[in-house]
Amino acid sequence: RGWSAGMIRRLLGEPDLRRPNPFLRT
C-alpha cells in the first residue's frame, strides 16, 4: 500500500497482533 518500514514504526508503532510466521516456523 506504499508504506515504508520507517513509516510503519513512526505512524503505527507496535503491532496489534503477532502470529507465527506461516511460511517458516523459525
PDB file of all heavy atoms in Angstrom:
ATOM      1  N   ARG A   1       0.817  -1.215   0.000  1.00  0.00           N
ATOM      2  CA  ARG A   1       0.000   0.000   0.000  1.00  0.00           C
ATOM      3  C   ARG A   1       0.852   1.267   0.000  1.00  0.00           C
ATOM      4  O   ARG A   1       0.317   2.371   0.060  1.00  0.00           O
ATOM      5  CB  ARG A   1      -0.913   0.011   1.228  1.00  0.00           C
ATOM      6  CG  ARG A   1      -1.974  -1.054   1.151  1.00  0.00           C
ATOM      7  CD  ARG A   1      -2.725  -1.163   2.439  1.00  0.00           C
ATOM      8  NE  ARG A   1      -3.615  -0.020   2.662  1.00  0.00           N
ATOM      9  CZ  ARG A   1      -4.859  -0.118   3.065  1.00  0.00           C
ATOM     10  NH1 ARG A   1      -5.369  -1.315   3.285  1.00  0.00           N
ATOM     11  NH2 ARG A   1      -5.599   0.943   3.265  1.00  0.00           N
ATOM     12  N   GLY A   2       2.189   1.120  -0.036  1.00  0.00           N
ATOM     13  CA  GLY A   2       3.062   2.287  -0.108  1.00  0.00           C
ATOM     14  C   GLY A   2       3.729   2.680   1.193  1.00  0.00           C
ATOM     15  O   GLY A   2       4.375   3.728   1.272  1.00  0.00           O
ATOM     16  N   TRP A   3       3.611   1.878   2.207  1.00  0.00           N
ATOM     17  CA  TRP A   3       4.234   2.181   3.496  1.00  0.00           C
ATOM     18  C   TRP A   3       5.692   1.728   3.468  1.00  0.00           C
ATOM     19  O   TRP A   3       6.037   0.726   2.862  1.00  0.00           O
ATOM     20  CB  TRP A   3       3.522   1.440   4.615  1.00  0.00           C
ATOM     21  CG  TRP A   3       2.160   1.965   4.952  1.00  0.00           C
ATOM     22  CD1 TRP A   3       1.039   1.861   4.206  1.00  0.00           C
ATOM     23  CD2 TRP A   3       1.797   2.659   6.133  1.00  0.00           C
ATOM     24  NE1 TRP A   3      -0.011   2.439   4.845  1.00  0.00           N
ATOM     25  CE2 TRP A   3       0.419   2.945   6.043  1.00  0.00           C
ATOM     26  CE3 TRP A   3       2.476   3.061   7.269  1.00  0.00           C
ATOM     27  CZ2 TRP A   3      -0.275   3.620   7.043  1.00  0.00           C
ATOM     28  CZ3 TRP A   3       1.784   3.729   8.266  1.00  0.00           C
ATOM     29  CH2 TRP A   3       0.433   4.005   8.146  1.00  0.00           C
ATOM     30  N   SER A   4       6.552   2.436   4.173  1.00  0.00           N
ATOM     31  CA  SER A   4       7.936   2.003   4.358  1.00  0.00           C
ATOM     32  C   SER A   4       8.081   1.514   5.799  1.00  0.00           C
ATOM     33  O   SER A   4       7.195   1.730   6.638  1.00  0.00           O
ATOM     34  CB  SER A   4       8.906   3.155   4.094  1.00  0.00           C
ATOM     35  OG  SER A   4       8.778   4.139   5.092  1.00  0.00           O
ATOM     36  N   ALA A   5       9.194   0.881   6.099  1.00  0.00           N
ATOM     37  CA  ALA A   5       9.411   0.362   7.455  1.00  0.00           C
ATOM     38  C   ALA A   5       9.428   1.508   8.467  1.00  0.00           C
ATOM     39  O   ALA A   5       8.869   1.398   9.568  1.00  0.00           O
ATOM     40  CB  ALA A   5      10.710  -0.431   7.516  1.00  0.00           C
ATOM     41  N   GLY A   6      10.058   2.628   8.102  1.00  0.00           N
ATOM     42  CA  GLY A   6      10.099   3.783   8.998  1.00  0.00           C
ATOM     43  C   GLY A   6       8.726   4.385   9.222  1.00  0.00           C
ATOM     44  O   GLY A   6       8.390   4.813  10.341  1.00  0.00           O
ATOM     45  N   MET A   7       7.912   4.422   8.176  1.00  0.00           N
ATOM     46  CA  MET A   7       6.552   4.951   8.311  1.00  0.00           C
ATOM     47  C   MET A   7       5.728   4.058   9.237  1.00  0.00           C
ATOM     48  O   MET A   7       4.944   4.558  10.054  1.00  0.00           O
ATOM     49  CB  MET A   7       5.891   5.049   6.933  1.00  0.00           C
ATOM     50  CG  MET A   7       6.473   6.123   6.047  1.00  0.00           C
ATOM     51  SD  MET A   7       5.940   6.004   4.330  1.00  0.00           S
ATOM     52  CE  MET A   7       4.199   6.278   4.443  1.00  0.00           C
ATOM     53  N   ILE A   8       5.903   2.749   9.114  1.00  0.00           N
ATOM     54  CA  ILE A   8       5.160   1.816   9.972  1.00  0.00           C
ATOM     55  C   ILE A   8       5.535   2.047  11.428  1.00  0.00           C
ATOM     56  O   ILE A   8       4.672   2.155  12.306  1.00  0.00           O
ATOM     57  CB  ILE A   8       5.420   0.354   9.549  1.00  0.00           C
ATOM     58  CG1 ILE A   8       4.853   0.089   8.157  1.00  0.00           C
ATOM     59  CG2 ILE A   8       4.814  -0.620  10.568  1.00  0.00           C
ATOM     60  CD1 ILE A   8       5.265  -1.241   7.562  1.00  0.00           C
ATOM     61  N   ARG A   9       6.847   2.138  11.699  1.00  0.00           N
ATOM     62  CA  ARG A   9       7.304   2.363  13.072  1.00  0.00           C
ATOM     63  C   ARG A   9       6.787   3.698  13.609  1.00  0.00           C
ATOM     64  O   ARG A   9       6.337   3.794  14.751  1.00  0.00           O
ATOM     65  CB  ARG A   9       8.833   2.361  13.123  1.00  0.00           C
ATOM     66  CG  ARG A   9       9.455   1.035  13.374  1.00  0.00           C
ATOM     67  CD  ARG A   9      10.929   1.156  13.717  1.00  0.00           C
ATOM     68  NE  ARG A   9      11.665   2.055  12.840  1.00  0.00           N
ATOM     69  CZ  ARG A   9      12.220   1.701  11.671  1.00  0.00           C
ATOM     70  NH1 ARG A   9      12.108   0.460  11.258  1.00  0.00           N
ATOM     71  NH2 ARG A   9      12.876   2.572  10.949  1.00  0.00           N
ATOM     72  N   ARG A  10       6.892   4.734  12.779  1.00  0.00           N
ATOM     73  CA  ARG A  10       6.565   6.088  13.228  1.00  0.00           C
ATOM     74  C   ARG A  10       5.062   6.305  13.411  1.00  0.00           C
ATOM     75  O   ARG A  10       4.635   6.896  14.409  1.00  0.00           O
ATOM     76  CB  ARG A  10       7.113   7.080  12.207  1.00  0.00           C
ATOM     77  CG  ARG A  10       6.922   8.511  12.557  1.00  0.00           C
ATOM     78  CD  ARG A  10       7.629   9.363  11.540  1.00  0.00           C
ATOM     79  NE  ARG A  10       7.296  10.758  11.706  1.00  0.00           N
ATOM     80  CZ  ARG A  10       7.707  11.710  10.915  1.00  0.00           C
ATOM     81  NH1 ARG A  10       8.462  11.412   9.886  1.00  0.00           N
ATOM     82  NH2 ARG A  10       7.368  12.950  11.124  1.00  0.00           N
ATOM     83  N   LEU A  11       4.267   5.842  12.472  1.00  0.00           N
ATOM     84  CA  LEU A  11       2.839   6.151  12.500  1.00  0.00           C
ATOM     85  C   LEU A  11       1.980   5.090  13.182  1.00  0.00           C
ATOM     86  O   LEU A  11       0.939   5.414  13.745  1.00  0.00           O
ATOM     87  CB  LEU A  11       2.330   6.385  11.075  1.00  0.00           C
ATOM     88  CG  LEU A  11       3.004   7.531  10.317  1.00  0.00           C
ATOM     89  CD1 LEU A  11       2.532   7.581   8.890  1.00  0.00           C
ATOM     90  CD2 LEU A  11       2.756   8.849  11.023  1.00  0.00           C
ATOM     91  N   LEU A  12       2.403   3.833  13.108  1.00  0.00           N
ATOM     92  CA  LEU A  12       1.578   2.773  13.692  1.00  0.00           C
ATOM     93  C   LEU A  12       2.139   2.228  15.001  1.00  0.00           C
ATOM     94  O   LEU A  12       1.386   1.751  15.841  1.00  0.00           O
ATOM     95  CB  LEU A  12       1.401   1.621  12.694  1.00  0.00           C
ATOM     96  CG  LEU A  12       0.603   1.956  11.434  1.00  0.00           C
ATOM     97  CD1 LEU A  12       0.573   0.762  10.507  1.00  0.00           C
ATOM     98  CD2 LEU A  12      -0.799   2.411  11.781  1.00  0.00           C
ATOM     99  N   GLY A  13       3.432   2.258  15.144  1.00  0.00           N
ATOM    100  CA  GLY A  13       4.037   1.763  16.387  1.00  0.00           C
ATOM    101  C   GLY A  13       3.968   0.249  16.488  1.00  0.00           C
ATOM    102  O   GLY A  13       4.191  -0.479  15.519  1.00  0.00           O
ATOM    103  N   GLU A  14       3.609  -0.228  17.660  1.00  0.00           N
ATOM    104  CA  GLU A  14       3.563  -1.669  17.922  1.00  0.00           C
ATOM    105  C   GLU A  14       2.404  -2.318  17.164  1.00  0.00           C
ATOM    106  O   GLU A  14       1.342  -1.723  17.011  1.00  0.00           O
ATOM    107  CB  GLU A  14       3.400  -1.932  19.420  1.00  0.00           C
ATOM    108  CG  GLU A  14       4.663  -1.679  20.211  1.00  0.00           C
ATOM    109  CD  GLU A  14       5.789  -2.604  19.820  1.00  0.00           C
ATOM    110  OE1 GLU A  14       5.564  -3.832  19.741  1.00  0.00           O
ATOM    111  OE2 GLU A  14       6.895  -2.101  19.579  1.00  0.00           O
ATOM    112  N   PRO A  15       2.593  -3.570  16.721  1.00  0.00           N
ATOM    113  CA  PRO A  15       1.505  -4.261  16.003  1.00  0.00           C
ATOM    114  C   PRO A  15       0.373  -4.640  16.955  1.00  0.00           C
ATOM    115  O   PRO A  15       0.562  -4.760  18.162  1.00  0.00           O
ATOM    116  CB  PRO A  15       2.195  -5.504  15.451  1.00  0.00           C
ATOM    117  CG  PRO A  15       3.356  -5.727  16.331  1.00  0.00           C
ATOM    118  CD  PRO A  15       3.806  -4.367  16.798  1.00  0.00           C
ATOM    119  N   ASP A  16      -0.809  -4.826  16.365  1.00  0.00           N
ATOM    120  CA  ASP A  16      -1.970  -5.230  17.156  1.00  0.00           C
ATOM    121  C   ASP A  16      -1.915  -6.718  17.496  1.00  0.00           C
ATOM    122  O   ASP A  16      -2.338  -7.123  18.573  1.00  0.00           O
ATOM    123  CB  ASP A  16      -3.254  -4.931  16.382  1.00  0.00           C
ATOM    124  CG  ASP A  16      -3.418  -3.442  16.152  1.00  0.00           C
ATOM    125  OD1 ASP A  16      -3.150  -2.662  17.086  1.00  0.00           O
ATOM    126  OD2 ASP A  16      -3.795  -3.061  15.030  1.00  0.00           O
ATOM    127  N   LEU A  17      -1.391  -7.527  16.580  1.00  0.00           N
ATOM    128  CA  LEU A  17      -1.276  -8.970  16.796  1.00  0.00           C
ATOM    129  C   LEU A  17       0.081  -9.455  16.307  1.00  0.00           C
ATOM    130  O   LEU A  17       0.667  -8.882  15.389  1.00  0.00           O
ATOM    131  CB  LEU A  17      -2.354  -9.724  15.996  1.00  0.00           C
ATOM    132  CG  LEU A  17      -3.804  -9.577  16.402  1.00  0.00           C
ATOM    133  CD1 LEU A  17      -4.688 -10.282  15.377  1.00  0.00           C
ATOM    134  CD2 LEU A  17      -4.017 -10.189  17.770  1.00  0.00           C
ATOM    135  N   ARG A  18       0.526 -10.524  16.915  1.00  0.00           N
ATOM    136  CA  ARG A  18       1.709 -11.241  16.436  1.00  0.00           C
ATOM    137  C   ARG A  18       1.301 -12.698  16.278  1.00  0.00           C
ATOM    138  O   ARG A  18       0.795 -13.312  17.204  1.00  0.00           O
ATOM    139  CB  ARG A  18       2.879 -11.134  17.410  1.00  0.00           C
ATOM    140  CG  ARG A  18       3.492  -9.764  17.467  1.00  0.00           C
ATOM    141  CD  ARG A  18       4.679  -9.764  18.429  1.00  0.00           C
ATOM    142  NE  ARG A  18       5.115  -8.417  18.704  1.00  0.00           N
ATOM    143  CZ  ARG A  18       6.160  -7.846  18.120  1.00  0.00           C
ATOM    144  NH1 ARG A  18       6.874  -8.522  17.264  1.00  0.00           N
ATOM    145  NH2 ARG A  18       6.487  -6.613  18.402  1.00  0.00           N
ATOM    146  N   ARG A  19       1.538 -13.223  15.083  1.00  0.00           N
ATOM    147  CA  ARG A  19       1.195 -14.614  14.790  1.00  0.00           C
ATOM    148  C   ARG A  19       2.446 -15.334  14.304  1.00  0.00           C
ATOM    149  O   ARG A  19       3.334 -14.710  13.711  1.00  0.00           O
ATOM    150  CB  ARG A  19       0.122 -14.689  13.694  1.00  0.00           C
ATOM    151  CG  ARG A  19      -1.200 -14.114  14.080  1.00  0.00           C
ATOM    152  CD  ARG A  19      -1.957 -15.138  14.936  1.00  0.00           C
ATOM    153  NE  ARG A  19      -3.283 -14.648  15.236  1.00  0.00           N
ATOM    154  CZ  ARG A  19      -3.691 -14.332  16.457  1.00  0.00           C
ATOM    155  NH1 ARG A  19      -2.893 -14.448  17.473  1.00  0.00           N
ATOM    156  NH2 ARG A  19      -4.907 -13.909  16.666  1.00  0.00           N
ATOM    157  N   PRO A  20       2.520 -16.660  14.515  1.00  0.00           N
ATOM    158  CA  PRO A  20       3.677 -17.401  13.983  1.00  0.00           C
ATOM    159  C   PRO A  20       3.752 -17.223  12.465  1.00  0.00           C
ATOM    160  O   PRO A  20       2.727 -17.149  11.783  1.00  0.00           O
ATOM    161  CB  PRO A  20       3.386 -18.852  14.354  1.00  0.00           C
ATOM    162  CG  PRO A  20       2.387 -18.789  15.447  1.00  0.00           C
ATOM    163  CD  PRO A  20       1.602 -17.520  15.256  1.00  0.00           C
ATOM    164  N   ASN A  21       4.944 -17.172  11.954  1.00  0.00           N
ATOM    165  CA  ASN A  21       5.145 -16.996  10.519  1.00  0.00           C
ATOM    166  C   ASN A  21       4.578 -18.208   9.794  1.00  0.00           C
ATOM    167  O   ASN A  21       4.947 -19.347  10.087  1.00  0.00           O
ATOM    168  CB  ASN A  21       6.634 -16.846  10.209  1.00  0.00           C
ATOM    169  CG  ASN A  21       6.891 -16.396   8.813  1.00  0.00           C
ATOM    170  OD1 ASN A  21       6.415 -17.008   7.869  1.00  0.00           O
ATOM    171  ND2 ASN A  21       7.652 -15.328   8.674  1.00  0.00           N
ATOM    172  N   PRO A  22       3.680 -18.012   8.833  1.00  0.00           N
ATOM    173  CA  PRO A  22       3.042 -19.156   8.177  1.00  0.00           C
ATOM    174  C   PRO A  22       3.945 -19.878   7.182  1.00  0.00           C
ATOM    175  O   PRO A  22       3.647 -20.995   6.785  1.00  0.00           O
ATOM    176  CB  PRO A  22       1.846 -18.531   7.449  1.00  0.00           C
ATOM    177  CG  PRO A  22       2.226 -17.123   7.232  1.00  0.00           C
ATOM    178  CD  PRO A  22       3.126 -16.742   8.377  1.00  0.00           C
ATOM    179  N   PHE A  23       5.052 -19.272   6.798  1.00  0.00           N
ATOM    180  CA  PHE A  23       5.915 -19.873   5.786  1.00  0.00           C
ATOM    181  C   PHE A  23       7.142 -20.551   6.378  1.00  0.00           C
ATOM    182  O   PHE A  23       7.632 -21.522   5.839  1.00  0.00           O
ATOM    183  CB  PHE A  23       6.360 -18.818   4.773  1.00  0.00           C
ATOM    184  CG  PHE A  23       5.204 -18.153   4.108  1.00  0.00           C
ATOM    185  CD1 PHE A  23       4.851 -16.860   4.437  1.00  0.00           C
ATOM    186  CD2 PHE A  23       4.426 -18.829   3.180  1.00  0.00           C
ATOM    187  CE1 PHE A  23       3.767 -16.256   3.842  1.00  0.00           C
ATOM    188  CE2 PHE A  23       3.344 -18.233   2.581  1.00  0.00           C
ATOM    189  CZ  PHE A  23       3.007 -16.927   2.911  1.00  0.00           C
ATOM    190  N   LEU A  24       7.644 -20.024   7.475  1.00  0.00           N
ATOM    191  CA  LEU A  24       8.859 -20.574   8.075  1.00  0.00           C
ATOM    192  C   LEU A  24       8.720 -20.498   9.592  1.00  0.00           C
ATOM    193  O   LEU A  24       8.618 -19.408  10.168  1.00  0.00           O
ATOM    194  CB  LEU A  24      10.080 -19.787   7.583  1.00  0.00           C
ATOM    195  CG  LEU A  24      11.439 -20.337   7.931  1.00  0.00           C
ATOM    196  CD1 LEU A  24      11.623 -21.725   7.330  1.00  0.00           C
ATOM    197  CD2 LEU A  24      12.516 -19.410   7.406  1.00  0.00           C
ATOM    198  N   ARG A  25       8.728 -21.640  10.209  1.00  0.00           N
ATOM    199  CA  ARG A  25       8.498 -21.695  11.655  1.00  0.00           C
ATOM    200  C   ARG A  25       9.552 -20.939  12.450  1.00  0.00           C
ATOM    201  O   ARG A  25       9.249 -20.335  13.476  1.00  0.00           O
ATOM    202  CB  ARG A  25       8.511 -23.163  12.096  1.00  0.00           C
ATOM    203  CG  ARG A  25       7.292 -23.582  12.804  1.00  0.00           C
ATOM    204  CD  ARG A  25       7.307 -25.032  13.184  1.00  0.00           C
ATOM    205  NE  ARG A  25       8.557 -25.709  12.882  1.00  0.00           N
ATOM    206  CZ  ARG A  25       9.090 -26.668  13.619  1.00  0.00           C
ATOM    207  NH1 ARG A  25       8.477 -27.076  14.680  1.00  0.00           N
ATOM    208  NH2 ARG A  25      10.207 -27.245  13.267  1.00  0.00           N
ATOM    209  N   THR A  26      10.810 -20.983  11.994  1.00  0.00           N
ATOM    210  CA  THR A  26      11.892 -20.361  12.750  1.00  0.00           C
ATOM    211  C   THR A  26      12.020 -18.866  12.484  1.00  0.00           C
ATOM    212  O   THR A  26      12.808 -18.196  13.141  1.00  0.00           O
ATOM    213  CB  THR A  26      13.229 -21.044  12.406  1.00  0.00           C
ATOM    214  OG1 THR A  26      13.445 -20.928  11.005  1.00  0.00           O
ATOM    215  CG2 THR A  26      13.221 -22.496  12.825  1.00  0.00           C
TER     216      THR A  26
END
